[in-house]
Amino acid sequence: MTTPKNGTKAVEATTPATVSMAPAERPVDDEPTRSTELTELAAVPALKPTQTAEEEITQAIQVLSNLATLKLKTQESKDQSVEVLRKIESLFKLEEPISPQDLEELKTGFKTLNKFALAVNQYYETKTKAEAAKQVLDAILGSFRSNSN
């Protein structure tokens, strides 16, 4: 028996029925069993509970899906945003005149530029996460890639 910081004694052995229970099915007062089970799982790092692997795969797919959506969003507003950026450059050149119509186009363009800049920012943030997600899928599906070539 071991004594954790809270002063209660943790049981070293668990019953097979308790180990096979899903976390949601375990009683709340089952803390000693959980700590022993977590220690046992940590001792075997190659084995992951199926639910965790499924969640990891689902999350990886979701992140990659978000990246695809953001890429499309940036592509759709890129051309309009480049034009707005050109007009912004003309604001800094005193010799280039600006008409009231140009000003209205700029005001409308700022909204597009804002959406574009936010989408680009989100794309790069998501891209970092997507690289990790791709590694998860590569680790699981890597053998299929090499066999299909």
N, C-alpha and C. Protein backbone atom coordinates (compact mmCIF):
# COMPACT_ATOMS: atom_id res chain seq x y z
N MET A 1 0.83 -1.18 0.00
CA MET A 1 0.00 0.00 0.00
C MET A 1 0.87 1.25 0.00
N THR A 2 0.41 2.25 -0.70
CA THR A 2 1.13 3.53 -0.72
C THR A 2 0.24 4.60 -0.14
N THR A 3 0.85 5.66 0.36
CA THR A 3 0.08 6.75 0.93
C THR A 3 0.30 8.00 0.11
N PRO A 4 -0.73 8.46 -0.63
CA PRO A 4 -0.61 9.70 -1.38
C PRO A 4 -0.59 10.91 -0.45
N LYS A 5 -0.42 12.09 -1.00
CA LYS A 5 -0.33 13.32 -0.22
C LYS A 5 -1.57 13.58 0.63
N ASN A 6 -2.74 13.10 0.20
CA ASN A 6 -3.97 13.40 0.94
C ASN A 6 -4.14 12.52 2.18
N GLY A 7 -3.22 11.57 2.43
CA GLY A 7 -3.25 10.77 3.63
C GLY A 7 -4.02 9.47 3.51
N THR A 8 -4.77 9.24 2.45
CA THR A 8 -5.49 7.99 2.28
C THR A 8 -4.56 6.97 1.66
N LYS A 9 -4.84 5.73 1.93
CA LYS A 9 -4.00 4.68 1.37
C LYS A 9 -4.58 4.21 0.04
N ALA A 10 -3.72 4.09 -0.96
CA ALA A 10 -4.16 3.63 -2.27
C ALA A 10 -3.95 2.14 -2.35
N VAL A 11 -4.89 1.43 -2.92
CA VAL A 11 -4.80 -0.01 -3.08
C VAL A 11 -3.93 -0.30 -4.29
N GLU A 12 -2.97 -1.23 -4.14
CA GLU A 12 -2.05 -1.55 -5.24
C GLU A 12 -2.72 -2.42 -6.29
N ALA A 13 -3.57 -3.32 -5.90
CA ALA A 13 -4.19 -4.23 -6.86
C ALA A 13 -5.63 -3.82 -7.10
N THR A 14 -6.11 -4.13 -8.29
CA THR A 14 -7.50 -3.83 -8.61
C THR A 14 -8.18 -5.10 -9.07
N THR A 15 -9.49 -5.11 -8.99
CA THR A 15 -10.22 -6.26 -9.48
C THR A 15 -10.39 -6.13 -10.98
N PRO A 16 -10.41 -7.23 -11.73
CA PRO A 16 -10.57 -7.15 -13.18
C PRO A 16 -11.82 -6.41 -13.60
N ALA A 17 -12.91 -6.52 -12.87
CA ALA A 17 -14.15 -5.84 -13.25
C ALA A 17 -13.97 -4.32 -13.20
N THR A 18 -13.23 -3.84 -12.23
CA THR A 18 -13.02 -2.40 -12.10
C THR A 18 -12.15 -1.87 -13.22
N VAL A 19 -11.12 -2.60 -13.61
CA VAL A 19 -10.20 -2.15 -14.66
C VAL A 19 -10.91 -2.05 -15.99
N SER A 20 -11.85 -2.96 -16.26
CA SER A 20 -12.52 -2.96 -17.55
C SER A 20 -13.64 -1.92 -17.65
N MET A 21 -13.99 -1.28 -16.55
CA MET A 21 -15.07 -0.30 -16.57
C MET A 21 -14.62 0.96 -17.29
N ALA A 22 -15.52 1.55 -18.04
CA ALA A 22 -15.24 2.84 -18.68
C ALA A 22 -15.20 3.91 -17.60
N PRO A 23 -14.44 5.00 -17.83
CA PRO A 23 -14.34 6.05 -16.80
C PRO A 23 -15.68 6.58 -16.33
N ALA A 24 -16.66 6.70 -17.20
CA ALA A 24 -17.97 7.24 -16.82
C ALA A 24 -18.75 6.26 -15.95
N GLU A 25 -18.42 4.94 -16.03
CA GLU A 25 -19.15 3.93 -15.28
C GLU A 25 -18.59 3.72 -13.88
N ARG A 26 -17.40 4.18 -13.60
CA ARG A 26 -16.77 3.96 -12.30
C ARG A 26 -17.44 4.81 -11.24
N PRO A 27 -17.54 4.27 -10.03
CA PRO A 27 -18.09 5.07 -8.93
C PRO A 27 -17.14 6.21 -8.59
N VAL A 28 -17.69 7.28 -8.04
CA VAL A 28 -16.90 8.46 -7.70
C VAL A 28 -15.88 8.13 -6.61
N ASP A 29 -16.24 7.24 -5.66
CA ASP A 29 -15.33 6.92 -4.57
C ASP A 29 -14.28 5.89 -4.97
N ASP A 30 -14.04 5.71 -6.24
CA ASP A 30 -13.13 4.70 -6.77
C ASP A 30 -11.73 5.28 -7.00
N GLU A 31 -11.34 6.34 -6.32
CA GLU A 31 -10.08 7.03 -6.54
C GLU A 31 -8.85 6.12 -6.42
N PRO A 32 -8.73 5.26 -5.39
CA PRO A 32 -7.54 4.41 -5.32
C PRO A 32 -7.38 3.52 -6.54
N THR A 33 -8.48 2.96 -7.04
CA THR A 33 -8.43 2.10 -8.21
C THR A 33 -7.99 2.88 -9.44
N ARG A 34 -8.50 4.09 -9.61
CA ARG A 34 -8.13 4.91 -10.76
C ARG A 34 -6.64 5.22 -10.76
N SER A 35 -6.09 5.59 -9.61
CA SER A 35 -4.67 5.93 -9.57
C SER A 35 -3.82 4.72 -9.91
N THR A 36 -4.20 3.54 -9.45
CA THR A 36 -3.46 2.34 -9.79
C THR A 36 -3.58 2.04 -11.27
N GLU A 37 -4.79 2.20 -11.82
CA GLU A 37 -5.00 1.93 -13.25
C GLU A 37 -4.20 2.89 -14.10
N LEU A 38 -4.17 4.16 -13.74
CA LEU A 38 -3.39 5.14 -14.49
C LEU A 38 -1.91 4.80 -14.44
N THR A 39 -1.43 4.31 -13.29
CA THR A 39 -0.03 3.91 -13.19
C THR A 39 0.24 2.73 -14.11
N GLU A 40 -0.70 1.78 -14.16
CA GLU A 40 -0.54 0.62 -15.04
C GLU A 40 -0.53 1.04 -16.50
N LEU A 41 -1.41 1.95 -16.90
CA LEU A 41 -1.45 2.42 -18.28
C LEU A 41 -0.18 3.18 -18.64
N ALA A 42 0.34 3.94 -17.70
CA ALA A 42 1.57 4.70 -17.97
C ALA A 42 2.75 3.77 -18.15
N ALA A 43 2.71 2.60 -17.51
CA ALA A 43 3.81 1.65 -17.64
C ALA A 43 3.85 1.01 -19.01
N VAL A 44 2.75 1.05 -19.76
CA VAL A 44 2.69 0.47 -21.10
C VAL A 44 2.32 1.58 -22.08
N PRO A 45 3.28 2.44 -22.49
CA PRO A 45 2.95 3.58 -23.33
C PRO A 45 2.47 3.22 -24.73
N ALA A 46 2.81 2.04 -25.24
CA ALA A 46 2.41 1.67 -26.59
C ALA A 46 0.91 1.38 -26.67
N LEU A 47 0.31 1.03 -25.56
CA LEU A 47 -1.11 0.70 -25.56
C LEU A 47 -1.92 1.94 -25.18
N LYS A 48 -2.83 2.32 -26.07
CA LYS A 48 -3.72 3.44 -25.79
C LYS A 48 -5.14 2.90 -25.79
N PRO A 49 -5.98 3.39 -24.90
CA PRO A 49 -7.38 2.96 -24.96
C PRO A 49 -7.98 3.32 -26.31
N THR A 50 -8.81 2.45 -26.85
CA THR A 50 -9.40 2.65 -28.17
C THR A 50 -10.14 3.98 -28.25
N GLN A 51 -10.86 4.33 -27.22
CA GLN A 51 -11.62 5.58 -27.23
C GLN A 51 -10.69 6.77 -27.43
N THR A 52 -9.54 6.79 -26.79
CA THR A 52 -8.59 7.89 -26.94
C THR A 52 -8.07 7.94 -28.36
N ALA A 53 -7.74 6.81 -28.95
CA ALA A 53 -7.25 6.79 -30.33
C ALA A 53 -8.34 7.29 -31.28
N GLU A 54 -9.57 6.87 -31.05
CA GLU A 54 -10.68 7.33 -31.90
C GLU A 54 -10.87 8.83 -31.79
N GLU A 55 -10.79 9.34 -30.58
CA GLU A 55 -10.93 10.79 -30.38
C GLU A 55 -9.78 11.54 -31.06
N GLU A 56 -8.59 10.98 -30.97
CA GLU A 56 -7.42 11.60 -31.59
C GLU A 56 -7.57 11.65 -33.11
N ILE A 57 -8.06 10.57 -33.70
CA ILE A 57 -8.27 10.52 -35.15
C ILE A 57 -9.36 11.51 -35.55
N THR A 58 -10.47 11.51 -34.83
CA THR A 58 -11.57 12.42 -35.14
C THR A 58 -11.13 13.87 -35.04
N GLN A 59 -10.37 14.18 -34.01
CA GLN A 59 -9.88 15.55 -33.84
C GLN A 59 -8.91 15.91 -34.96
N ALA A 60 -8.05 14.99 -35.37
CA ALA A 60 -7.11 15.25 -36.47
C ALA A 60 -7.86 15.55 -37.76
N ILE A 61 -8.89 14.77 -38.04
CA ILE A 61 -9.69 14.99 -39.25
C ILE A 61 -10.39 16.35 -39.18
N GLN A 62 -10.91 16.71 -38.02
CA GLN A 62 -11.60 18.00 -37.85
C GLN A 62 -10.65 19.16 -38.09
N VAL A 63 -9.44 19.06 -37.56
CA VAL A 63 -8.45 20.13 -37.74
C VAL A 63 -8.09 20.27 -39.21
N LEU A 64 -7.90 19.15 -39.90
CA LEU A 64 -7.57 19.19 -41.33
C LEU A 64 -8.74 19.76 -42.14
N SER A 65 -9.96 19.43 -41.74
CA SER A 65 -11.14 19.98 -42.40
C SER A 65 -11.21 21.49 -42.21
N ASN A 66 -10.91 21.95 -41.00
CA ASN A 66 -10.88 23.39 -40.74
C ASN A 66 -9.83 24.08 -41.60
N LEU A 67 -8.67 23.45 -41.75
CA LEU A 67 -7.62 24.03 -42.58
C LEU A 67 -8.09 24.17 -44.02
N ALA A 68 -8.75 23.15 -44.54
CA ALA A 68 -9.26 23.20 -45.92
C ALA A 68 -10.28 24.33 -46.08
N THR A 69 -11.16 24.47 -45.12
CA THR A 69 -12.17 25.54 -45.17
C THR A 69 -11.52 26.91 -45.14
N LEU A 70 -10.54 27.08 -44.26
CA LEU A 70 -9.85 28.37 -44.17
C LEU A 70 -9.05 28.68 -45.42
N LYS A 71 -8.46 27.66 -46.02
CA LYS A 71 -7.71 27.88 -47.26
C LYS A 71 -8.65 28.37 -48.36
N LEU A 72 -9.80 27.74 -48.47
CA LEU A 72 -10.78 28.16 -49.47
C LEU A 72 -11.25 29.59 -49.20
N LYS A 73 -11.50 29.89 -47.93
CA LYS A 73 -11.95 31.23 -47.54
C LYS A 73 -10.91 32.29 -47.92
N THR A 74 -9.64 32.00 -47.70
CA THR A 74 -8.59 32.97 -48.05
C THR A 74 -8.46 33.11 -49.56
N GLN A 75 -8.58 32.01 -50.28
CA GLN A 75 -8.48 32.09 -51.74
C GLN A 75 -9.60 32.92 -52.34
N GLU A 76 -10.80 32.76 -51.79
CA GLU A 76 -11.96 33.48 -52.33
C GLU A 76 -11.85 34.99 -52.14
N SER A 77 -11.23 35.43 -51.07
CA SER A 77 -11.16 36.87 -50.82
C SER A 77 -9.80 37.48 -51.16
N LYS A 78 -8.88 36.67 -51.64
CA LYS A 78 -7.53 37.16 -51.92
C LYS A 78 -7.51 38.22 -53.03
N ASP A 79 -8.12 37.95 -54.16
CA ASP A 79 -8.08 38.89 -55.29
C ASP A 79 -8.66 40.24 -54.91
N GLN A 80 -9.81 40.22 -54.24
CA GLN A 80 -10.44 41.48 -53.82
C GLN A 80 -9.54 42.21 -52.82
N SER A 81 -8.92 41.46 -51.94
CA SER A 81 -8.06 42.07 -50.92
C SER A 81 -6.81 42.67 -51.52
N VAL A 82 -6.24 42.03 -52.53
CA VAL A 82 -5.06 42.58 -53.20
C VAL A 82 -5.40 43.92 -53.84
N GLU A 83 -6.58 44.01 -54.43
CA GLU A 83 -7.01 45.27 -55.03
C GLU A 83 -7.17 46.36 -53.96
N VAL A 84 -7.72 46.00 -52.82
CA VAL A 84 -7.86 46.96 -51.72
C VAL A 84 -6.48 47.41 -51.24
N LEU A 85 -5.55 46.48 -51.16
CA LEU A 85 -4.19 46.84 -50.73
C LEU A 85 -3.54 47.82 -51.70
N ARG A 86 -3.80 47.65 -52.99
CA ARG A 86 -3.28 48.59 -53.99
C ARG A 86 -3.87 49.99 -53.77
N LYS A 87 -5.16 50.03 -53.48
CA LYS A 87 -5.81 51.32 -53.23
C LYS A 87 -5.28 51.96 -51.94
N ILE A 88 -4.98 51.15 -50.97
CA ILE A 88 -4.41 51.68 -49.72
C ILE A 88 -3.05 52.30 -50.00
N GLU A 89 -2.27 51.65 -50.84
CA GLU A 89 -0.96 52.20 -51.21
C GLU A 89 -1.11 53.59 -51.84
N SER A 90 -2.15 53.76 -52.63
CA SER A 90 -2.35 55.07 -53.28
C SER A 90 -2.67 56.17 -52.26
N LEU A 91 -3.19 55.79 -51.10
CA LEU A 91 -3.46 56.78 -50.05
C LEU A 91 -2.17 57.44 -49.56
N PHE A 92 -1.08 56.73 -49.66
CA PHE A 92 0.19 57.23 -49.16
C PHE A 92 0.99 58.02 -50.20
N LYS A 93 0.41 58.18 -51.36
CA LYS A 93 1.06 58.95 -52.43
C LYS A 93 0.23 60.21 -52.67
N LEU A 94 0.74 61.31 -52.22
CA LEU A 94 0.02 62.57 -52.30
C LEU A 94 -0.29 62.98 -53.73
N GLU A 95 0.57 62.61 -54.66
CA GLU A 95 0.36 63.00 -56.06
C GLU A 95 -0.77 62.22 -56.73
N GLU A 96 -1.21 61.11 -56.15
CA GLU A 96 -2.31 60.34 -56.75
C GLU A 96 -3.63 60.85 -56.16
N PRO A 97 -4.51 61.33 -57.01
CA PRO A 97 -5.80 61.83 -56.51
C PRO A 97 -6.71 60.66 -56.10
N ILE A 98 -7.65 60.95 -55.24
CA ILE A 98 -8.64 59.96 -54.81
C ILE A 98 -10.02 60.60 -54.95
N SER A 99 -10.92 59.86 -55.54
CA SER A 99 -12.28 60.36 -55.75
C SER A 99 -13.19 59.88 -54.63
N PRO A 100 -14.35 60.50 -54.49
CA PRO A 100 -15.33 60.02 -53.50
C PRO A 100 -15.72 58.56 -53.77
N GLN A 101 -15.78 58.18 -55.04
CA GLN A 101 -16.10 56.79 -55.39
C GLN A 101 -14.98 55.86 -54.91
N ASP A 102 -13.71 56.28 -55.09
CA ASP A 102 -12.58 55.49 -54.60
C ASP A 102 -12.66 55.30 -53.09
N LEU A 103 -13.04 56.37 -52.40
CA LEU A 103 -13.17 56.32 -50.95
C LEU A 103 -14.25 55.33 -50.53
N GLU A 104 -15.38 55.34 -51.21
CA GLU A 104 -16.46 54.39 -50.90
C GLU A 104 -16.02 52.96 -51.17
N GLU A 105 -15.30 52.75 -52.28
CA GLU A 105 -14.78 51.42 -52.60
C GLU A 105 -13.80 50.96 -51.52
N LEU A 106 -12.99 51.89 -51.04
CA LEU A 106 -12.05 51.55 -49.97
C LEU A 106 -12.79 51.14 -48.70
N LYS A 107 -13.81 51.90 -48.34
CA LYS A 107 -14.56 51.58 -47.12
C LYS A 107 -15.18 50.19 -47.21
N THR A 108 -15.73 49.88 -48.36
CA THR A 108 -16.28 48.54 -48.58
C THR A 108 -15.15 47.51 -48.58
N GLY A 109 -14.05 47.88 -49.21
CA GLY A 109 -12.90 46.98 -49.30
C GLY A 109 -12.26 46.68 -47.96
N PHE A 110 -12.36 47.61 -47.02
CA PHE A 110 -11.78 47.38 -45.69
C PHE A 110 -12.45 46.19 -45.01
N LYS A 111 -13.74 46.04 -45.22
CA LYS A 111 -14.45 44.89 -44.65
C LYS A 111 -13.92 43.60 -45.24
N THR A 112 -13.73 43.60 -46.56
CA THR A 112 -13.18 42.43 -47.24
C THR A 112 -11.76 42.16 -46.75
N LEU A 113 -10.98 43.21 -46.65
CA LEU A 113 -9.60 43.07 -46.19
C LEU A 113 -9.54 42.55 -44.76
N ASN A 114 -10.45 43.02 -43.92
CA ASN A 114 -10.51 42.54 -42.54
C ASN A 114 -10.80 41.04 -42.50
N LYS A 115 -11.79 40.60 -43.27
CA LYS A 115 -12.13 39.18 -43.33
C LYS A 115 -10.95 38.37 -43.85
N PHE A 116 -10.29 38.89 -44.88
CA PHE A 116 -9.15 38.21 -45.47
C PHE A 116 -8.01 38.08 -44.45
N ALA A 117 -7.69 39.18 -43.77
CA ALA A 117 -6.59 39.16 -42.79
C ALA A 117 -6.90 38.21 -41.64
N LEU A 118 -8.14 38.21 -41.17
CA LEU A 118 -8.53 37.28 -40.10
C LEU A 118 -8.44 35.83 -40.58
N ALA A 119 -8.89 35.58 -41.80
CA ALA A 119 -8.84 34.22 -42.35
C ALA A 119 -7.39 33.76 -42.52
N VAL A 120 -6.52 34.64 -42.99
CA VAL A 120 -5.11 34.28 -43.15
C VAL A 120 -4.49 33.98 -41.79
N ASN A 121 -4.80 34.81 -40.80
CA ASN A 121 -4.29 34.58 -39.45
C ASN A 121 -4.78 33.23 -38.91
N GLN A 122 -6.07 32.96 -39.06
CA GLN A 122 -6.63 31.69 -38.60
C GLN A 122 -6.02 30.52 -39.37
N TYR A 123 -5.77 30.73 -40.66
CA TYR A 123 -5.17 29.68 -41.48
C TYR A 123 -3.80 29.29 -40.91
N TYR A 124 -2.96 30.28 -40.63
CA TYR A 124 -1.63 29.96 -40.12
C TYR A 124 -1.67 29.34 -38.73
N GLU A 125 -2.60 29.78 -37.89
CA GLU A 125 -2.76 29.16 -36.57
C GLU A 125 -3.22 27.71 -36.72
N THR A 126 -4.16 27.49 -37.61
CA THR A 126 -4.70 26.15 -37.82
C THR A 126 -3.68 25.26 -38.53
N LYS A 127 -2.88 25.85 -39.40
CA LYS A 127 -1.86 25.09 -40.13
C LYS A 127 -0.89 24.41 -39.16
N THR A 128 -0.52 25.12 -38.10
CA THR A 128 0.37 24.54 -37.09
C THR A 128 -0.29 23.32 -36.45
N LYS A 129 -1.56 23.46 -36.09
CA LYS A 129 -2.29 22.34 -35.50
C LYS A 129 -2.47 21.22 -36.52
N ALA A 130 -2.70 21.59 -37.77
CA ALA A 130 -2.93 20.60 -38.82
C ALA A 130 -1.68 19.78 -39.10
N GLU A 131 -0.52 20.38 -38.95
CA GLU A 131 0.72 19.62 -39.14
C GLU A 131 0.82 18.50 -38.10
N ALA A 132 0.44 18.80 -36.86
CA ALA A 132 0.42 17.78 -35.81
C ALA A 132 -0.66 16.74 -36.11
N ALA A 133 -1.80 17.19 -36.60
CA ALA A 133 -2.89 16.27 -36.95
C ALA A 133 -2.47 15.34 -38.08
N LYS A 134 -1.76 15.87 -39.04
CA LYS A 134 -1.27 15.05 -40.16
C LYS A 134 -0.29 13.99 -39.66
N GLN A 135 0.53 14.35 -38.68
CA GLN A 135 1.46 13.38 -38.11
C GLN A 135 0.71 12.24 -37.42
N VAL A 136 -0.40 12.57 -36.75
CA VAL A 136 -1.22 11.54 -36.11
C VAL A 136 -1.72 10.56 -37.17
N LEU A 137 -2.27 11.10 -38.25
CA LEU A 137 -2.79 10.23 -39.31
C LEU A 137 -1.67 9.48 -40.02
N ASP A 138 -0.53 10.14 -40.24
CA ASP A 138 0.61 9.46 -40.87
C ASP A 138 1.08 8.29 -40.03
N ALA A 139 1.08 8.46 -38.70
CA ALA A 139 1.51 7.39 -37.82
C ALA A 139 0.56 6.19 -37.91
N ILE A 140 -0.72 6.48 -38.07
CA ILE A 140 -1.71 5.41 -38.14
C ILE A 140 -1.80 4.82 -39.54
N LEU A 141 -1.76 5.67 -40.55
CA LEU A 141 -2.00 5.24 -41.93
C LEU A 141 -0.73 5.16 -42.77
N GLY A 142 0.41 5.41 -42.18
CA GLY A 142 1.66 5.45 -42.92
C GLY A 142 1.94 4.20 -43.73
N SER A 143 1.62 3.03 -43.19
CA SER A 143 1.89 1.79 -43.91
C SER A 143 1.05 1.67 -45.18
N PHE A 144 -0.13 2.28 -45.19
CA PHE A 144 -0.97 2.23 -46.39
C PHE A 144 -0.37 3.06 -47.51
N ARG A 145 0.26 4.16 -47.16
CA ARG A 145 0.90 5.00 -48.17
C ARG A 145 2.04 4.27 -48.85
N SER A 146 2.90 3.65 -48.06
CA SER A 146 4.07 2.99 -48.63
C SER A 146 3.68 1.74 -49.42
N ASN A 147 2.60 1.08 -49.05
CA ASN A 147 2.15 -0.11 -49.77
C ASN A 147 1.44 0.22 -51.07
N SER A 148 0.86 1.41 -51.18
CA SER A 148 0.09 1.76 -52.37
C SER A 148 0.96 2.31 -53.49
N ASN A 149 2.22 2.60 -53.22
CA ASN A 149 3.11 3.14 -54.27
C ASN A 149 3.69 2.07 -55.13
